[in-house]
Amino acid sequence: MLNLRQIHHIAIIGSDYQASKHFYCDILGFTLQGEFYREERDSWKADLALNGQYTIELFSFPQPPKRPSRPEACGLRHLAFNVDDIEQSISVLTASGVFCEPVRIDPYTGKKFTFFNDPDGLPLELYES
């Protein structure tokens, strides 16, 4: 067996670096740990942390291809974040102009969850702990 310990990071490519950085930092609350412009690739890379733990590498590339999404495409389906109060979290997102789907109940756990999208349509989920 490979003996994996945990997920180290998630890499996300945004079509508009400033819009993505604003969304993940100012709306979702990630902390910018480092930011690097890679001239040879005309690309930005940002290291984002959640509660002090390095979590997301946010990239930009000129004219990245669109992500296939619907109907369900093969590959990463969505990223999910735990929250204590889903209604309060939805209020914060809504006040920032982010649309959230109606709250659903997980039929296996009885927990509340909802989906929303980042600026490029990447599906994200809030899951009440």
Foldseek 3Di string as FASTA:
>chain_A
DPPDDDDQEAEDEDADQVQQCCCVPVQVNWDFPDWDQDVVQRKIWTFTHDPPGTYYIYMYGHPDDADDAPPHDPDDHAAEDEDADVVVSCVSCVVVVWDKDDWDADPVPRWIKIWTAGPRRGIYMYTYD
